[in-house]
C-alpha atoms as a PDB file:
ATOM      1  CA  MET A   1       0.000   0.000   0.000  1.00  0.00           C
ATOM      2  CA  SER A   2       1.551   3.313  -1.087  1.00  0.00           C
ATOM      3  CA  VAL A   3       2.121   6.218   1.279  1.00  0.00           C
ATOM      4  CA  ALA A   4       0.524   9.597   0.662  1.00  0.00           C
ATOM      5  CA  VAL A   5       1.242  13.118   1.889  1.00  0.00           C
ATOM      6  CA  LEU A   6      -1.914  14.218   3.687  1.00  0.00           C
ATOM      7  CA  ALA A   7      -0.859  17.736   4.694  1.00  0.00           C
ATOM      8  CA  ALA A   8       2.227  19.853   5.235  1.00  0.00           C
ATOM      9  CA  GLY A   9       3.358  23.123   6.730  1.00  0.00           C
ATOM     10  CA  CYS A  10       6.537  25.187   6.829  1.00  0.00           C
ATOM     11  CA  VAL A  11       7.943  28.539   7.900  1.00  0.00           C
ATOM     12  CA  PHE A  12      11.032  30.553   7.064  1.00  0.00           C
ATOM     13  CA  PRO A  13      11.555  34.346   7.060  1.00  0.00           C
ATOM     14  CA  SER A  14      10.369  35.097   3.506  1.00  0.00           C
ATOM     15  CA  GLY A  15       7.737  32.354   3.705  1.00  0.00           C
ATOM     16  CA  PRO A  16       5.879  32.441   7.042  1.00  0.00           C
ATOM     17  CA  GLY A  17       3.466  29.710   5.920  1.00  0.00           C
ATOM     18  CA  LEU A  18       3.380  27.200   3.089  1.00  0.00           C
ATOM     19  CA  GLY A  19       1.448  29.346   0.604  1.00  0.00           C
ATOM     20  CA  LEU A  20       3.740  32.352   1.015  1.00  0.00           C
ATOM     21  CA  ALA A  21       6.795  30.096   1.050  1.00  0.00           C
ATOM     22  CA  ASP A  22       5.799  28.745  -2.359  1.00  0.00           C
ATOM     23  CA  VAL A  23       5.453  32.303  -3.688  1.00  0.00           C
ATOM     24  CA  ALA A  24       8.868  33.216  -2.263  1.00  0.00           C
ATOM     25  CA  VAL A  25      10.535  30.220  -3.945  1.00  0.00           C
ATOM     26  CA  GLU A  26       8.724  30.861  -7.239  1.00  0.00           C
ATOM     27  CA  THR A  27       9.855  34.503  -7.321  1.00  0.00           C
ATOM     28  CA  GLY A  28      13.247  34.103  -5.648  1.00  0.00           C
ATOM     29  CA  PHE A  29      12.156  36.534  -2.933  1.00  0.00           C
ATOM     30  CA  SER A  30      14.410  36.507   0.115  1.00  0.00           C
ATOM     31  CA  LEU A  31      14.361  38.573   3.305  1.00  0.00           C
ATOM     32  CA  LEU A  32      18.027  39.112   4.111  1.00  0.00           C
ATOM     33  CA  ARG A  33      19.189  41.173   7.053  1.00  0.00           C
ATOM     34  CA  ARG A  34      22.437  42.272   8.592  1.00  0.00           C
ATOM     35  CA  HIS A  35      22.966  40.413  11.838  1.00  0.00           C
ATOM     36  CA  PRO A  36      22.340  42.847  14.708  1.00  0.00           C
ATOM     37  CA  PHE A  37      25.632  42.131  16.452  1.00  0.00           C
ATOM     38  CA  PHE A  38      27.731  39.362  14.860  1.00  0.00           C
ATOM     39  CA  VAL A  39      30.624  40.649  12.764  1.00  0.00           C
ATOM     40  CA  ASP A  40      33.162  38.846  10.586  1.00  0.00           C
ATOM     41  CA  ARG A  41      36.945  38.981  11.012  1.00  0.00           C
ATOM     42  CA  SER A  42      37.117  42.404   9.395  1.00  0.00           C
ATOM     43  CA  GLY A  43      34.452  43.862  11.679  1.00  0.00           C
ATOM     44  CA  GLU A  44      31.579  43.866   9.147  1.00  0.00           C
ATOM     45  CA  ARG A  45      28.147  42.600  10.151  1.00  0.00           C
ATOM     46  CA  VAL A  46      27.253  39.421   8.247  1.00  0.00           C
ATOM     47  CA  THR A  47      24.130  38.722   6.206  1.00  0.00           C
ATOM     48  CA  VAL A  48      21.564  36.213   7.492  1.00  0.00           C
ATOM     49  CA  SER A  49      17.978  35.201   6.754  1.00  0.00           C
ATOM     50  CA  CYS A  50      16.121  35.457  10.061  1.00  0.00           C
ATOM     51  CA  PHE A  51      12.773  36.455  11.519  1.00  0.00           C
ATOM     52  CA  ASP A  52      12.644  40.060  12.703  1.00  0.00           C
ATOM     53  CA  ASP A  53      10.864  39.350  15.972  1.00  0.00           C
ATOM     54  CA  ALA A  54      11.907  41.446  18.961  1.00  0.00           C
ATOM     55  CA  SER A  55      10.507  38.822  21.356  1.00  0.00           C
ATOM     56  CA  LEU A  56      13.008  36.222  20.148  1.00  0.00           C
ATOM     57  CA  GLY A  57      16.625  36.286  21.217  1.00  0.00           C
ATOM     58  CA  PHE A  58      19.458  34.897  19.144  1.00  0.00           C
ATOM     59  CA  ASP A  59      19.542  31.797  21.287  1.00  0.00           C
ATOM     60  CA  ALA A  60      17.532  28.673  22.113  1.00  0.00           C
ATOM     61  CA  THR A  61      14.254  30.613  22.449  1.00  0.00           C
ATOM     62  CA  ARG A  62      13.846  30.551  18.671  1.00  0.00           C
ATOM     63  CA  TRP A  63      13.570  26.769  18.380  1.00  0.00           C
ATOM     64  CA  PRO A  64      10.189  26.204  20.086  1.00  0.00           C
ATOM     65  CA  ALA A  65       8.778  29.248  18.272  1.00  0.00           C
ATOM     66  CA  LEU A  66       9.785  27.761  14.906  1.00  0.00           C
ATOM     67  CA  ALA A  67       8.311  24.353  15.810  1.00  0.00           C
ATOM     68  CA  GLU A  68       5.055  25.908  16.953  1.00  0.00           C
ATOM     69  CA  ALA A  69       4.718  27.971  13.762  1.00  0.00           C
ATOM     70  CA  ALA A  70       5.295  24.989  11.438  1.00  0.00           C
ATOM     71  CA  LEU A  71       2.800  22.811  13.319  1.00  0.00           C
ATOM     72  CA  ALA A  72       0.231  25.613  13.320  1.00  0.00           C
ATOM     73  CA  ASP A  73       0.637  25.964   9.555  1.00  0.00           C
ATOM     74  CA  LEU A  74       0.059  22.223   9.093  1.00  0.00           C
ATOM     75  CA  LEU A  75      -3.030  22.308  11.319  1.00  0.00           C
ATOM     76  CA  GLY A  76      -4.412  25.107   9.185  1.00  0.00           C
ATOM     77  CA  GLN A  77      -4.009  22.920   6.085  1.00  0.00           C
ATOM     78  CA  LEU A  78      -5.769  19.817   7.430  1.00  0.00           C
ATOM     79  CA  GLY A  79      -9.426  20.576   6.725  1.00  0.00           C
ATOM     80  CA  PRO A  80     -12.529  18.953   8.311  1.00  0.00           C
ATOM     81  CA  ALA A  81     -12.595  15.766   6.221  1.00  0.00           C
ATOM     82  CA  ARG A  82      -9.058  14.769   7.052  1.00  0.00           C
ATOM     83  CA  VAL A  83      -9.465  15.758  10.693  1.00  0.00           C
ATOM     84  CA  ALA A  84     -12.478  13.427  10.923  1.00  0.00           C
ATOM     85  CA  ALA A  85     -10.594  10.610   9.168  1.00  0.00           C
ATOM     86  CA  LEU A  86      -7.505  10.957  11.357  1.00  0.00           C
ATOM     87  CA  ASP A  87      -9.122  11.669  14.714  1.00  0.00           C
ATOM     88  CA  ARG A  88      -8.788   9.039  17.430  1.00  0.00           C
ATOM     89  CA  ARG A  89      -5.974   7.265  15.585  1.00  0.00           C
ATOM     90  CA  PRO A  90      -2.643   6.687  17.371  1.00  0.00           C
ATOM     91  CA  TRP A  91      -0.201   9.103  15.712  1.00  0.00           C
ATOM     92  CA  MET A  92       3.527   8.527  15.329  1.00  0.00           C
ATOM     93  CA  LEU A  93       5.922  11.483  15.526  1.00  0.00           C
ATOM     94  CA  TRP A  94       9.460  11.887  14.207  1.00  0.00           C
ATOM     95  CA  VAL A  95      11.395  14.961  15.392  1.00  0.00           C
ATOM     96  CA  VAL A  96      14.459  15.886  13.312  1.00  0.00           C
ATOM     97  CA  LEU A  97      17.114  18.109  14.911  1.00  0.00           C
ATOM     98  CA  PRO A  98      20.790  18.916  14.308  1.00  0.00           C
ATOM     99  CA  ASP A  99      23.441  16.816  15.984  1.00  0.00           C
ATOM    100  CA  ALA A 100      23.964  17.933  19.575  1.00  0.00           C
ATOM    101  CA  ALA A 101      27.692  18.396  18.895  1.00  0.00           C
ATOM    102  CA  ARG A 102      27.047  20.963  16.165  1.00  0.00           C
ATOM    103  CA  PRO A 103      27.773  24.536  17.279  1.00  0.00           C
ATOM    104  CA  ALA A 104      24.397  25.644  15.907  1.00  0.00           C
ATOM    105  CA  ALA A 105      22.501  23.298  18.204  1.00  0.00           C
ATOM    106  CA  PRO A 106      21.723  24.409  21.773  1.00  0.00           C
ATOM    107  CA  ALA A 107      21.964  21.764  24.451  1.00  0.00           C
ATOM    108  CA  ARG A 108      18.873  19.650  25.187  1.00  0.00           C
ATOM    109  CA  LEU A 109      17.015  20.755  22.078  1.00  0.00           C
ATOM    110  CA  TYR A 110      14.265  18.182  22.394  1.00  0.00           C
ATOM    111  CA  GLU A 111      13.503  19.337  25.917  1.00  0.00           C
ATOM    112  CA  LEU A 112      13.073  22.873  24.568  1.00  0.00           C
ATOM    113  CA  ILE A 113      10.410  21.914  22.043  1.00  0.00           C
ATOM    114  CA  GLU A 114       8.689  19.207  24.107  1.00  0.00           C
ATOM    115  CA  PRO A 115       6.168  21.700  25.604  1.00  0.00           C
ATOM    116  CA  VAL A 116       5.085  22.610  22.062  1.00  0.00           C
ATOM    117  CA  LEU A 117       4.557  18.946  21.190  1.00  0.00           C
ATOM    118  CA  SER A 118       2.538  18.386  24.361  1.00  0.00           C
ATOM    119  CA  GLU A 119      -0.066  20.832  23.035  1.00  0.00           C
ATOM    120  CA  TRP A 120      -0.609  18.867  19.812  1.00  0.00           C
ATOM    121  CA  PRO A 121      -4.389  18.227  19.689  1.00  0.00           C
ATOM    122  CA  TYR A 122      -4.138  14.580  18.580  1.00  0.00           C
ATOM    123  CA  GLY A 123      -2.871  11.622  20.547  1.00  0.00           C
ATOM    124  CA  ILE A 124       0.787  10.755  19.921  1.00  0.00           C
ATOM    125  CA  ALA A 125       1.507   7.118  20.622  1.00  0.00           C
ATOM    126  CA  GLU A 126       5.229   7.152  19.832  1.00  0.00           C
ATOM    127  CA  VAL A 127       7.985   9.769  19.439  1.00  0.00           C
ATOM    128  CA  ARG A 128      11.279   9.116  17.688  1.00  0.00           C
ATOM    129  CA  LEU A 129      14.197  11.549  17.561  1.00  0.00           C
ATOM    130  CA  ARG A 130      16.585  11.702  14.624  1.00  0.00           C
ATOM    131  CA  CYS A 131      19.611  13.999  14.481  1.00  0.00           C
ATOM    132  CA  GLY A 132      21.868  14.936  11.588  1.00  0.00           C
ATOM    133  CA  GLY A 133      22.433  17.371   8.742  1.00  0.00           C
ATOM    134  CA  HIS A 134      20.608  18.441   5.586  1.00  0.00           C
ATOM    135  CA  ALA A 135      19.504  14.907   4.673  1.00  0.00           C
ATOM    136  CA  ALA A 136      18.486  13.741   8.168  1.00  0.00           C
ATOM    137  CA  ALA A 137      14.805  14.441   7.500  1.00  0.00           C
ATOM    138  CA  VAL A 138      14.891  12.049   4.528  1.00  0.00           C
ATOM    139  CA  VAL A 139      16.073   9.317   6.901  1.00  0.00           C
ATOM    140  CA  ALA A 140      13.195  10.127   9.267  1.00  0.00           C
ATOM    141  CA  LEU A 141      10.679  10.263   6.426  1.00  0.00           C
ATOM    142  CA  ASP A 142      11.907   6.889   5.149  1.00  0.00           C
ATOM    143  CA  GLU A 143      11.385   5.365   8.607  1.00  0.00           C
ATOM    144  CA  ALA A 144       7.945   6.981   8.863  1.00  0.00           C
ATOM    145  CA  CYS A 145       6.938   5.549   5.468  1.00  0.00           C
ATOM    146  CA  ALA A 146       7.977   2.055   6.552  1.00  0.00           C
ATOM    147  CA  ALA A 147       5.997   2.405   9.793  1.00  0.00           C
ATOM    148  CA  CYS A 148       2.865   3.612   7.949  1.00  0.00           C
ATOM    149  CA  SER A 149       3.096   0.745   5.477  1.00  0.00           C
ATOM    150  CA  ALA A 150       3.393  -1.738   8.333  1.00  0.00           C
ATOM    151  CA  ASP A 151       0.437  -0.231  10.223  1.00  0.00           C
ATOM    152  CA  PRO A 152      -2.044   1.609   7.932  1.00  0.00           C
ATOM    153  CA  GLU A 153      -4.119   2.752  10.909  1.00  0.00           C
ATOM    154  CA  ARG A 154      -1.340   4.994  12.220  1.00  0.00           C
ATOM    155  CA  PRO A 155      -0.566   8.296  10.468  1.00  0.00           C
ATOM    156  CA  ALA A 156       2.947   9.675  10.918  1.00  0.00           C
ATOM    157  CA  LEU A 157       4.020  13.256  11.474  1.00  0.00           C
ATOM    158  CA  VAL A 158       7.602  14.348  10.710  1.00  0.00           C
ATOM    159  CA  LEU A 159       8.844  17.665  12.123  1.00  0.00           C
ATOM    160  CA  ALA A 160      12.244  19.248  11.379  1.00  0.00           C
ATOM    161  CA  ILE A 161      13.681  22.444  12.881  1.00  0.00           C
ATOM    162  CA  ASP A 162      16.916  24.403  12.527  1.00  0.00           C
ATOM    163  CA  SER A 163      18.330  27.860  13.227  1.00  0.00           C
ATOM    164  CA  GLN A 164      21.860  28.820  12.261  1.00  0.00           C
ATOM    165  CA  ILE A 165      21.956  32.485  13.230  1.00  0.00           C
ATOM    166  CA  GLY A 166      23.431  32.167  16.725  1.00  0.00           C
ATOM    167  CA  THR A 167      26.953  33.342  17.465  1.00  0.00           C
ATOM    168  CA  GLU A 168      28.518  29.875  17.768  1.00  0.00           C
ATOM    169  CA  ALA A 169      26.907  28.686  14.547  1.00  0.00           C
ATOM    170  CA  LEU A 170      28.140  31.710  12.593  1.00  0.00           C
ATOM    171  CA  MET A 171      31.641  31.433  14.040  1.00  0.00           C
ATOM    172  CA  ALA A 172      31.796  27.776  12.984  1.00  0.00           C
ATOM    173  CA  LEU A 173      30.679  28.601   9.439  1.00  0.00           C
ATOM    174  CA  GLU A 174      33.187  31.439   9.142  1.00  0.00           C
ATOM    175  CA  ALA A 175      36.000  29.212  10.424  1.00  0.00           C
ATOM    176  CA  ARG A 176      35.244  26.787   7.555  1.00  0.00           C
ATOM    177  CA  ASP A 177      34.956  29.617   4.977  1.00  0.00           C
ATOM    178  CA  LEU A 178      31.288  28.743   4.509  1.00  0.00           C
ATOM    179  CA  LEU A 179      29.853  32.145   5.416  1.00  0.00           C
ATOM    180  CA  HIS A 180      28.807  33.965   2.263  1.00  0.00           C
ATOM    181  CA  GLY A 181      30.027  37.567   2.071  1.00  0.00           C
ATOM    182  CA  ALA A 182      32.242  37.309   5.164  1.00  0.00           C
ATOM    183  CA  ARG A 183      35.387  39.364   4.698  1.00  0.00           C
ATOM    184  CA  HIS A 184      38.962  38.413   5.406  1.00  0.00           C
ATOM    185  CA  ALA A 185      42.290  40.071   4.765  1.00  0.00           C
ATOM    186  CA  CYS A 186      43.803  39.446   1.331  1.00  0.00           C
ATOM    187  CA  ALA A 187      46.845  41.389   0.091  1.00  0.00           C
ATOM    188  CA  GLY A 188      46.182  44.050   2.681  1.00  0.00           C
ATOM    189  CA  ARG A 189      42.543  44.502   1.699  1.00  0.00           C
ATOM    190  CA  GLY A 190      39.231  43.014   2.856  1.00  0.00           C
ATOM    191  CA  ARG A 191      37.910  40.421   0.422  1.00  0.00           C
ATOM    192  CA  ALA A 192      34.331  39.146   0.649  1.00  0.00           C
ATOM    193  CA  ASN A 193      33.797  35.400   0.332  1.00  0.00           C
ATOM    194  CA  PRO A 194      31.941  34.936  -2.992  1.00  0.00           C
ATOM    195  CA  TYR A 195      30.921  31.406  -2.062  1.00  0.00           C
ATOM    196  CA  GLY A 196      29.411  29.797   1.018  1.00  0.00           C
ATOM    197  CA  ARG A 197      25.968  29.953   2.598  1.00  0.00           C
ATOM    198  CA  ILE A 198      23.599  32.592   3.856  1.00  0.00           C
ATOM    199  CA  PRO A 199      22.556  31.105   7.208  1.00  0.00           C
ATOM    200  CA  GLY A 200      18.812  30.855   7.760  1.00  0.00           C
ATOM    201  CA  GLU A 201      16.231  29.402  10.092  1.00  0.00           C
ATOM    202  CA  GLY A 202      12.968  27.561   9.668  1.00  0.00           C
ATOM    203  CA  ALA A 203      10.861  24.510  10.366  1.00  0.00           C
ATOM    204  CA  ALA A 204       8.644  22.142   8.418  1.00  0.00           C
ATOM    205  CA  ALA A 205       6.087  19.436   9.207  1.00  0.00           C
ATOM    206  CA  ILE A 206       4.671  16.732   6.933  1.00  0.00           C
ATOM    207  CA  LEU A 207       1.819  14.354   7.716  1.00  0.00           C
ATOM    208  CA  ILE A 208       1.796  11.038   5.855  1.00  0.00           C
ATOM    209  CA  GLY A 209      -0.419   7.966   5.912  1.00  0.00           C
ATOM    210  CA  THR A 210      -1.805   5.040   3.918  1.00  0.00           C
ATOM    211  CA  GLY A 211      -5.328   4.155   2.871  1.00  0.00           C
ATOM    212  CA  LEU A 212      -6.484   7.791   2.699  1.00  0.00           C
ATOM    213  CA  HIS A 213      -5.607   8.673  -0.885  1.00  0.00           C
ATOM    214  CA  GLY A 214      -8.948  10.364  -1.462  1.00  0.00           C
ATOM    215  CA  LEU A 215      -7.770  12.962   1.053  1.00  0.00           C
ATOM    216  CA  ALA A 216      -4.143  13.163  -0.095  1.00  0.00           C
ATOM    217  CA  TRP A 217      -2.155  15.995  -1.592  1.00  0.00           C
ATOM    218  CA  CYS A 218       0.157  13.644  -3.480  1.00  0.00           C
ATOM    219  CA  GLU A 219       1.777  10.229  -3.384  1.00  0.00           C
ATOM    220  CA  LEU A 220       5.135   9.727  -1.694  1.00  0.00           C
ATOM    221  CA  ALA A 221       6.095   7.350  -4.467  1.00  0.00           C
ATOM    222  CA  GLY A 222       9.760   6.665  -3.760  1.00  0.00           C
ATOM    223  CA  ILE A 223      12.420   7.427  -1.176  1.00  0.00           C
ATOM    224  CA  ALA A 224      16.050   6.381  -0.751  1.00  0.00           C
ATOM    225  CA  VAL A 225      18.923   7.075   1.636  1.00  0.00           C
ATOM    226  CA  GLY A 226      22.613   6.458   1.026  1.00  0.00           C
ATOM    227  CA  ASP A 227      26.182   7.688   1.497  1.00  0.00           C
ATOM    228  CA  GLU A 228      28.515   9.885  -0.531  1.00  0.00           C
ATOM    229  CA  PRO A 229      32.104   8.569  -0.542  1.00  0.00           C
ATOM    230  CA  ARG A 230      33.643  12.014  -1.089  1.00  0.00           C
ATOM    231  CA  THR A 231      32.811  14.825   1.332  1.00  0.00           C
ATOM    232  CA  PHE A 232      33.326  18.599   1.271  1.00  0.00           C
ATOM    233  CA  ASP A 233      36.560  18.522   3.302  1.00  0.00           C
ATOM    234  CA  GLN A 234      38.442  16.484   0.686  1.00  0.00           C
ATOM    235  CA  PRO A 235      40.506  18.261  -1.991  1.00  0.00           C
ATOM    236  CA  GLU A 236      39.082  16.371  -4.974  1.00  0.00           C
ATOM    237  CA  PRO A 237      35.786  17.520  -6.544  1.00  0.00           C
ATOM    238  CA  CYS A 238      32.673  15.628  -5.519  1.00  0.00           C
ATOM    239  CA  ILE A 239      31.231  13.808  -8.526  1.00  0.00           C
ATOM    240  CA  GLY A 240      27.943  12.944  -6.844  1.00  0.00           C
ATOM    241  CA  LEU A 241      28.133   9.150  -6.916  1.00  0.00           C
ATOM    242  CA  GLY A 242      26.181   8.712  -3.692  1.00  0.00           C
ATOM    243  CA  LEU A 243      23.578  11.328  -4.571  1.00  0.00           C
ATOM    244  CA  SER A 244      23.092   9.821  -8.044  1.00  0.00           C
ATOM    245  CA  ARG A 245      22.671   6.370  -6.542  1.00  0.00           C
ATOM    246  CA  CYS A 246      20.022   7.642  -4.110  1.00  0.00           C
ATOM    247  CA  ALA A 247      18.137   9.328  -6.941  1.00  0.00           C
ATOM    248  CA  SER A 248      18.172   6.161  -9.066  1.00  0.00           C
ATOM    249  CA  GLU A 249      16.937   4.064  -6.139  1.00  0.00           C
ATOM    250  CA  ALA A 250      14.116   6.508  -5.364  1.00  0.00           C
ATOM    251  CA  ILE A 251      13.066   6.541  -9.023  1.00  0.00           C
ATOM    252  CA  ALA A 252      13.103   2.730  -9.107  1.00  0.00           C
ATOM    253  CA  ALA A 253      11.085   2.558  -5.860  1.00  0.00           C
ATOM    254  CA  ALA A 254       8.524   4.913  -7.404  1.00  0.00           C
ATOM    255  CA  GLY A 255       7.989   2.407 -10.215  1.00  0.00           C
ATOM    256  CA  LEU A 256       8.454   4.991 -12.969  1.00  0.00           C
ATOM    257  CA  GLU A 257       8.381   3.458 -16.427  1.00  0.00           C
ATOM    258  CA  GLN A 258      11.312   4.089 -18.748  1.00  0.00           C
ATOM    259  CA  ASP A 259       9.258   6.563 -20.786  1.00  0.00           C
ATOM    260  CA  GLU A 260       7.969   8.333 -17.654  1.00  0.00           C
ATOM    261  CA  VAL A 261       9.995  11.469 -16.953  1.00  0.00           C
ATOM    262  CA  LEU A 262      10.496  13.799 -13.997  1.00  0.00           C
ATOM    263  CA  THR A 263       9.003  17.244 -14.453  1.00  0.00           C
ATOM    264  CA  SER A 264      10.964  19.032 -11.708  1.00  0.00           C
ATOM    265  CA  LEU A 265      14.199  18.642  -9.772  1.00  0.00           C
ATOM    266  CA  THR A 266      14.677  20.245  -6.339  1.00  0.00           C
ATOM    267  CA  HIS A 267      18.096  20.471  -4.729  1.00  0.00           C
ATOM    268  CA  ASP A 268      19.459  22.111  -1.584  1.00  0.00           C
ATOM    269  CA  ALA A 269      22.542  23.571  -3.317  1.00  0.00           C
ATOM    270  CA  THR A 270      23.875  26.764  -1.790  1.00  0.00           C
ATOM    271  CA  GLY A 271      26.815  28.888  -2.927  1.00  0.00           C
ATOM    272  CA  GLU A 272      29.493  26.237  -2.424  1.00  0.00           C
ATOM    273  CA  PRO A 273      31.572  24.858  -5.316  1.00  0.00           C
ATOM    274  CA  TYR A 274      31.428  21.421  -3.646  1.00  0.00           C
ATOM    275  CA  ARG A 275      27.635  21.308  -3.810  1.00  0.00           C
ATOM    276  CA  ALA A 276      27.610  22.726  -7.321  1.00  0.00           C
ATOM    277  CA  ASP A 277      29.928  19.933  -8.471  1.00  0.00           C
ATOM    278  CA  GLU A 278      27.855  17.268  -6.744  1.00  0.00           C
ATOM    279  CA  TYR A 279      24.567  18.568  -8.110  1.00  0.00           C
ATOM    280  CA  GLY A 280      25.946  19.049 -11.625  1.00  0.00           C
ATOM    281  CA  PHE A 281      27.301  15.520 -11.927  1.00  0.00           C
ATOM    282  CA  ALA A 282      24.114  14.038 -10.457  1.00  0.00           C
ATOM    283  CA  ALA A 283      21.897  16.047 -12.835  1.00  0.00           C
ATOM    284  CA  MET A 284      24.035  14.926 -15.773  1.00  0.00           C
ATOM    285  CA  ARG A 285      23.524  11.259 -14.863  1.00  0.00           C
ATOM    286  CA  LEU A 286      19.802  11.848 -14.388  1.00  0.00           C
ATOM    287  CA  ALA A 287      19.373  13.641 -17.712  1.00  0.00           C
ATOM    288  CA  PRO A 288      17.648  10.685 -19.469  1.00  0.00           C
ATOM    289  CA  ARG A 289      14.923  10.694 -16.773  1.00  0.00           C
ATOM    290  CA  LEU A 290      14.310  14.461 -16.833  1.00  0.00           C
ATOM    291  CA  ALA A 291      11.605  15.947 -19.024  1.00  0.00           C
ATOM    292  CA  GLU A 292      12.608  18.355 -21.745  1.00  0.00           C
ATOM    293  CA  GLY A 293      12.482  21.791 -20.176  1.00  0.00           C
ATOM    294  CA  TYR A 294      12.169  20.311 -16.679  1.00  0.00           C
ATOM    295  CA  ARG A 295      11.810  22.761 -13.818  1.00  0.00           C
ATOM    296  CA  ARG A 296      14.833  23.236 -11.573  1.00  0.00           C
ATOM    297  CA  VAL A 297      13.894  24.419  -8.063  1.00  0.00           C
ATOM    298  CA  MET A 298      16.491  25.973  -5.741  1.00  0.00           C
ATOM    299  CA  PRO A 299      14.680  26.938  -2.497  1.00  0.00           C
ATOM    300  CA  PRO A 300      17.804  28.242  -0.656  1.00  0.00           C
ATOM    301  CA  ILE A 301      17.689  31.294  -2.940  1.00  0.00           C
ATOM    302  CA  ALA A 302      14.564  32.343  -1.038  1.00  0.00           C
ATOM    303  CA  SER A 303      15.062  30.714   2.353  1.00  0.00           C
ATOM    304  CA  GLY A 304      18.775  30.825   2.946  1.00  0.00           C
ATOM    305  CA  ASP A 305      20.424  27.645   4.165  1.00  0.00           C
ATOM    306  CA  LEU A 306      17.922  25.861   6.434  1.00  0.00           C
ATOM    307  CA  GLY A 307      20.313  23.117   7.492  1.00  0.00           C
ATOM    308  CA  THR A 308      18.525  20.172   9.079  1.00  0.00           C
ATOM    309  CA  ALA A 309      15.108  21.646   8.207  1.00  0.00           C
ATOM    310  CA  SER A 310      15.894  22.018   4.492  1.00  0.00           C
ATOM    311  CA  ALA A 311      14.922  18.592   3.079  1.00  0.00           C
ATOM    312  CA  LEU A 312      11.540  18.503   4.812  1.00  0.00           C
ATOM    313  CA  THR A 313      10.824  22.124   3.846  1.00  0.00           C
ATOM    314  CA  HIS A 314      11.566  21.307   0.210  1.00  0.00           C
ATOM    315  CA  ALA A 315       9.333  18.225   0.391  1.00  0.00           C
ATOM    316  CA  ALA A 316       6.506  20.308   1.883  1.00  0.00           C
ATOM    317  CA  LEU A 317       6.835  22.851  -0.943  1.00  0.00           C
ATOM    318  CA  ALA A 318       6.825  20.122  -3.602  1.00  0.00           C
ATOM    319  CA  ALA A 319       3.740  18.507  -2.032  1.00  0.00           C
ATOM    320  CA  TRP A 320       1.998  21.902  -2.059  1.00  0.00           C
ATOM    321  CA  ARG A 321       2.680  22.245  -5.800  1.00  0.00           C
ATOM    322  CA  CYS A 322       1.384  18.712  -6.394  1.00  0.00           C
ATOM    323  CA  ARG A 323      -1.870  19.103  -4.466  1.00  0.00           C
ATOM    324  CA  ASN A 324      -3.902  20.510  -7.371  1.00  0.00           C
ATOM    325  CA  ALA A 325      -1.875  19.213 -10.310  1.00  0.00           C
ATOM    326  CA  ALA A 326      -4.050  16.164 -11.108  1.00  0.00           C
ATOM    327  CA  ASP A 327      -1.684  15.123 -13.904  1.00  0.00           C
ATOM    328  CA  GLY A 328       0.340  12.302 -12.385  1.00  0.00           C
ATOM    329  CA  SER A 329       3.571  14.275 -12.811  1.00  0.00           C
ATOM    330  CA  ALA A 330       6.628  13.111 -10.861  1.00  0.00           C
ATOM    331  CA  HIS A 331       8.974  15.383  -8.911  1.00  0.00           C
ATOM    332  CA  LEU A 332      12.459  14.502  -7.639  1.00  0.00           C
ATOM    333  CA  LEU A 333      14.017  16.062  -4.532  1.00  0.00           C
ATOM    334  CA  LEU A 334      17.695  15.664  -3.622  1.00  0.00           C
ATOM    335  CA  ALA A 335      19.288  16.277  -0.209  1.00  0.00           C
ATOM    336  CA  SER A 336      22.999  16.511   0.556  1.00  0.00           C
ATOM    337  CA  SER A 337      24.460  16.792   4.070  1.00  0.00           C
ATOM    338  CA  ASP A 338      27.868  18.002   5.232  1.00  0.00           C
ATOM    339  CA  ASP A 339      28.432  14.459   6.437  1.00  0.00           C
ATOM    340  CA  THR A 340      28.191  11.475   4.098  1.00  0.00           C
ATOM    341  CA  THR A 341      24.389  11.083   4.271  1.00  0.00           C
ATOM    342  CA  ARG A 342      22.435  11.631   1.053  1.00  0.00           C
ATOM    343  CA  GLY A 343      18.724  11.347   0.334  1.00  0.00           C
ATOM    344  CA  ALA A 344      16.243  11.430  -2.540  1.00  0.00           C
ATOM    345  CA  ILE A 345      12.440  11.605  -2.659  1.00  0.00           C
ATOM    346  CA  VAL A 346      10.002  11.161  -5.553  1.00  0.00           C
ATOM    347  CA  LEU A 347       6.561  12.771  -5.164  1.00  0.00           C
ATOM    348  CA  ARG A 348       3.831  12.057  -7.692  1.00  0.00           C
ATOM    349  CA  ALA A 349       0.764  14.200  -8.246  1.00  0.00           C
ATOM    350  CA  MET A 350      -2.570  12.398  -8.114  1.00  0.00           C
ATOM    351  CA  HIS A 351      -4.481  11.742 -11.338  1.00  0.00           C
ATOM    352  CA  GLU A 352      -7.573  13.139  -9.656  1.00  0.00           C
ATOM    353  CA  VAL A 353      -7.666  16.257  -7.529  1.00  0.00           C
ATOM    354  CA  ALA A 354      -8.691  15.481  -3.975  1.00  0.00           C
ATOM    355  CA  ARG A 355     -11.592  17.587  -2.689  1.00  0.00           C
ATOM    356  CA  TRP A 356     -11.569  17.349   1.075  1.00  0.00           C
ATOM    357  CA  ASP A 357     -13.407  20.419   2.363  1.00  0.00           C
END
């Protein structure tokens, strides 16, 4: 029995809700700000993508606020028919957070957001925590799909959160030359880094289940997780072997026929040559499966780098675009972490538009 996306929600600064997030990605609209106090090695304030909320400090207080906003957005998308179908079922919950050792991650993150989860209006029978980088949410989503297939009565909710605008996070990025626009001395002059990432913050939530396709936004047709043998800290260019393998496995799991092509390709590439190499080689290998004039989607242009929340945010945006397509089109999403983990997801639009309200 195939797994379907039943609803989704997401938030980031230029997209405080799934509908506005889709507009921001479509138009390339980004809300960038100078950090109020963090400066680079030359004393210049760095550029970040963050919410301008005076009630939030640049610390752990942002994490529960992001989680609450993403869950509220998902609740607003559910609609009466799905609420009735899902009520009184034992829900499963996956929470995806950065590794505790990462400078961007405050200590005891799960404890910070647990009060938000306790206010969820539906019964949660099981909570699983997964930590990692950009592709960690694909791992969680893969586990959630397997659990839904094994027990069709239990819908699964996956929630991912990240914020990379704290002092320690920015210092770590600058130390690795991954902070876009940060200046450093070069031949007696300040030179801005033309590469790297614009740190961002956000959260996303996706609800999946089986046996409720009449209420679904789209089908989660294929998913795969793997490893990339060559990482960003190695001198040789990354040729995307692991990412290509994940994409091929997700396409195979989706059961796409040889003449069935992918109409869009979403990737979490930022301004790093490493990611550009990886994405370019993977796209070249995938060329036979991509439709002529396929749509390339690069959400970080609008959102900044969302870190651990990126893959689930991109999946939520793709599901939103699929919800009224009614053409059976297939969409491929790729996720690449700083570690070796790679992930790929295939979403397929339904052949009939679901009318749930």
